[in-house]
Amino acid sequence: MIPFPEDAALNALINDENAVAKDDSFFTLSTPLSSQLKFVNELIDSLEKIFLWVGVAMALFSMLLLFNFISVSISNKKKEIGILRAVGARSTDVFTIFYAESSIITLICFALAMIACFAICPILNSQIAAALGASIFVFGPVSWLVMLGIAVLTSVVATFLPVYVIAKKRPVESIRAL
């Protein structure tokens, strides 16, 4: 409940809430503006949930794609990995090679995603602003850091398992696998 003396009438107008006077009486202001703002807030809340789940699904899909790419890359390089291990390379050296490859792929994908976001967000915001009178997509430094964190996490998780499996094998097994 909002106390009446301050800006209760304005808050009730905006939020379509009850306002309370000093004598504990209630009143509700319902105007077309409050109804429109309530609709926009509900729309933004539902779009936020939709975009969150779409983003999670895309992150999982990208993790699977990167996992598949690294797995295929490792399976095509088993002999080279076995030779590296036979001449004295440690498992950490093999990890370093494939994490470097994964990092390069991740940075390229991150750069392309940033360019796409810088290009698409203003277009979507202008179209939504024309329809609703509000901008929904805010793409700032926090968004950049979140995207980078997701990209790095995806890269590390998708690279670890395939590299771990091949790096723990004996060199002779890797060479004979082909």
Protein backbone atom coordinates (compact mmCIF):
# COMPACT_ATOMS: atom_id res chain seq x y z
CA MET A 1 0.00 0.00 0.00
CA ILE A 2 1.13 3.51 -0.77
CA PRO A 3 0.68 6.27 1.78
CA PHE A 4 -1.55 9.06 0.47
CA PRO A 5 0.26 12.31 1.35
CA GLU A 6 3.33 11.92 -0.88
CA ASP A 7 2.80 10.96 -4.50
CA ALA A 8 0.16 8.32 -3.87
CA ALA A 9 -2.22 9.62 -6.52
CA LEU A 10 0.54 9.62 -9.15
CA ASN A 11 1.75 6.15 -8.14
CA ALA A 12 -1.81 4.85 -8.13
CA LEU A 13 -2.29 6.38 -11.58
CA ILE A 14 0.84 4.71 -12.91
CA ASN A 15 0.61 1.37 -11.13
CA ASP A 16 -3.20 1.06 -10.91
CA GLU A 17 -2.81 0.41 -7.18
CA ASN A 18 -4.80 1.34 -4.13
CA ALA A 19 -3.82 4.52 -2.37
CA VAL A 20 -4.32 4.91 1.38
CA ALA A 21 -5.29 8.19 3.02
CA LYS A 22 -4.39 9.15 6.59
CA ASP A 23 -7.85 8.06 7.77
CA ASP A 24 -7.21 4.55 6.33
CA SER A 25 -9.63 4.99 3.45
CA PHE A 26 -8.74 3.37 0.12
CA PHE A 27 -9.25 4.51 -3.40
CA THR A 28 -8.16 3.22 -6.79
CA LEU A 29 -7.48 5.35 -9.79
CA SER A 30 -8.04 3.53 -13.03
CA THR A 31 -7.33 5.50 -16.16
CA PRO A 32 -6.55 4.58 -19.74
CA LEU A 33 -2.92 5.55 -19.11
CA SER A 34 -2.60 3.20 -16.14
CA SER A 35 -4.18 0.39 -18.15
CA GLN A 36 -1.77 0.93 -21.03
CA LEU A 37 1.23 1.06 -18.70
CA LYS A 38 0.11 -2.08 -16.94
CA PHE A 39 -0.22 -3.83 -20.33
CA VAL A 40 3.26 -2.68 -21.39
CA ASN A 41 4.77 -3.87 -18.09
CA GLU A 42 3.12 -7.28 -18.45
CA LEU A 43 4.28 -7.50 -22.07
CA ILE A 44 7.84 -6.65 -21.10
CA ASP A 45 7.77 -9.23 -18.29
CA SER A 46 6.54 -11.95 -20.63
CA LEU A 47 9.05 -10.99 -23.35
CA GLU A 48 11.82 -11.06 -20.76
CA LYS A 49 10.95 -14.65 -19.85
CA ILE A 50 10.66 -15.69 -23.49
CA PHE A 51 14.03 -14.17 -24.42
CA LEU A 52 15.66 -15.70 -21.36
CA TRP A 53 14.56 -19.22 -22.31
CA VAL A 54 15.37 -18.70 -25.98
CA GLY A 55 18.84 -17.52 -24.92
CA VAL A 56 19.34 -20.54 -22.66
CA ALA A 57 18.26 -22.87 -25.48
CA MET A 58 20.65 -21.15 -27.90
CA ALA A 59 23.50 -21.36 -25.40
CA LEU A 60 22.90 -25.09 -24.96
CA PHE A 61 22.71 -25.56 -28.72
CA SER A 62 25.95 -23.64 -29.22
CA MET A 63 27.59 -25.76 -26.53
CA LEU A 64 26.54 -28.91 -28.38
CA LEU A 65 27.82 -27.52 -31.68
CA LEU A 66 31.17 -26.58 -30.18
CA PHE A 67 31.37 -29.96 -28.42
CA ASN A 68 30.72 -31.67 -31.75
CA PHE A 69 33.28 -29.50 -33.56
CA ILE A 70 36.00 -30.20 -30.98
CA SER A 71 35.14 -33.92 -30.92
CA VAL A 72 35.45 -34.17 -34.70
CA SER A 73 38.64 -32.14 -34.62
CA ILE A 74 40.11 -34.45 -31.99
CA SER A 75 39.05 -37.61 -33.80
CA ASN A 76 40.71 -36.33 -36.97
CA LYS A 77 43.88 -35.51 -35.04
CA LYS A 78 44.22 -38.66 -32.91
CA LYS A 79 47.38 -39.75 -34.69
CA GLU A 80 48.99 -36.32 -34.29
CA ILE A 81 48.03 -36.25 -30.62
CA GLY A 82 49.51 -39.74 -30.16
CA ILE A 83 52.74 -38.64 -31.84
CA LEU A 84 52.89 -35.51 -29.69
CA ARG A 85 52.38 -37.61 -26.56
CA ALA A 86 55.00 -40.15 -27.75
CA VAL A 87 57.67 -37.45 -28.17
CA GLY A 88 57.06 -36.15 -24.66
CA ALA A 89 54.09 -33.78 -24.76
CA ARG A 90 52.07 -33.86 -21.56
CA SER A 91 48.30 -34.02 -21.29
CA THR A 92 48.31 -30.35 -20.33
CA ASP A 93 50.07 -29.54 -23.61
CA VAL A 94 47.28 -31.30 -25.51
CA PHE A 95 44.71 -29.40 -23.43
CA THR A 96 46.48 -26.13 -24.24
CA ILE A 97 46.38 -26.79 -27.98
CA PHE A 98 42.66 -27.52 -28.06
CA TYR A 99 41.73 -24.79 -25.59
CA ALA A 100 43.59 -22.32 -27.80
CA GLU A 101 41.62 -23.56 -30.81
CA SER A 102 38.38 -23.33 -28.86
CA SER A 103 39.28 -19.84 -27.60
CA ILE A 104 39.87 -18.58 -31.14
CA ILE A 105 36.51 -19.97 -32.25
CA THR A 106 34.84 -18.43 -29.19
CA LEU A 107 36.36 -14.99 -29.80
CA ILE A 108 35.30 -15.02 -33.44
CA CYS A 109 31.76 -16.03 -32.49
CA PHE A 110 31.67 -13.41 -29.71
CA ALA A 111 32.80 -10.68 -32.11
CA LEU A 112 30.13 -11.70 -34.64
CA ALA A 113 27.48 -11.76 -31.90
CA MET A 114 28.48 -8.28 -30.72
CA ILE A 115 28.28 -6.91 -34.26
CA ALA A 116 24.87 -8.54 -34.74
CA CYS A 117 23.60 -7.13 -31.43
CA PHE A 118 24.82 -3.63 -32.25
CA ALA A 119 23.08 -3.85 -35.61
CA ILE A 120 19.83 -5.57 -34.63
CA CYS A 121 18.99 -4.05 -31.21
CA PRO A 122 18.46 -0.48 -32.50
CA ILE A 123 16.28 -1.76 -35.34
CA LEU A 124 14.13 -3.83 -32.98
CA ASN A 125 13.95 -0.98 -30.47
CA SER A 126 12.77 1.48 -33.12
CA GLN A 127 10.05 -0.90 -34.30
CA ILE A 128 8.91 -1.69 -30.76
CA ALA A 129 9.05 1.99 -29.80
CA ALA A 130 6.80 2.81 -32.74
CA ALA A 131 4.25 0.21 -31.64
CA LEU A 132 4.43 0.50 -27.84
CA GLY A 133 6.21 3.76 -27.19
CA ALA A 134 8.98 2.04 -25.22
CA SER A 135 12.38 0.52 -25.93
CA ILE A 136 12.90 -2.98 -24.61
CA PHE A 137 16.40 -4.01 -25.66
CA VAL A 138 19.16 -2.40 -23.65
CA PHE A 139 22.57 -3.51 -24.86
CA GLY A 140 25.26 -2.13 -22.61
CA PRO A 141 28.46 -3.18 -20.83
CA VAL A 142 26.65 -5.59 -18.50
CA SER A 143 25.16 -7.36 -21.53
CA TRP A 144 28.60 -7.57 -23.13
CA LEU A 145 30.09 -9.12 -20.01
CA VAL A 146 27.24 -11.61 -19.66
CA MET A 147 27.64 -12.64 -23.31
CA LEU A 148 31.39 -13.01 -22.87
CA GLY A 149 30.92 -15.06 -19.70
CA ILE A 150 28.46 -17.40 -21.42
CA ALA A 151 30.78 -17.75 -24.42
CA VAL A 152 33.81 -18.59 -22.27
CA LEU A 153 31.84 -21.02 -20.09
CA THR A 154 30.44 -22.72 -23.18
CA SER A 155 33.92 -22.99 -24.67
CA VAL A 156 35.48 -24.45 -21.53
CA VAL A 157 32.69 -26.97 -20.88
CA ALA A 158 32.37 -28.08 -24.51
CA THR A 159 36.13 -28.54 -24.90
CA PHE A 160 36.98 -30.28 -21.65
CA LEU A 161 35.33 -33.69 -22.10
CA PRO A 162 36.56 -34.58 -25.61
CA VAL A 163 40.08 -33.39 -24.83
CA TYR A 164 40.14 -35.18 -21.48
CA VAL A 165 39.15 -38.49 -23.08
CA ILE A 166 41.89 -38.33 -25.73
CA ALA A 167 44.58 -36.85 -23.47
CA LYS A 168 44.32 -39.62 -20.89
CA LYS A 169 44.93 -42.34 -23.49
CA ARG A 170 48.39 -43.78 -23.91
CA PRO A 171 50.22 -42.53 -27.01
CA VAL A 172 50.30 -46.00 -28.58
CA GLU A 173 46.49 -46.31 -28.31
CA SER A 174 46.01 -42.96 -30.01
CA ILE A 175 48.35 -43.85 -32.88
CA ARG A 176 46.80 -47.30 -33.42
CA ALA A 177 43.22 -45.94 -33.25
CA LEU A 178 43.35 -45.10 -36.93
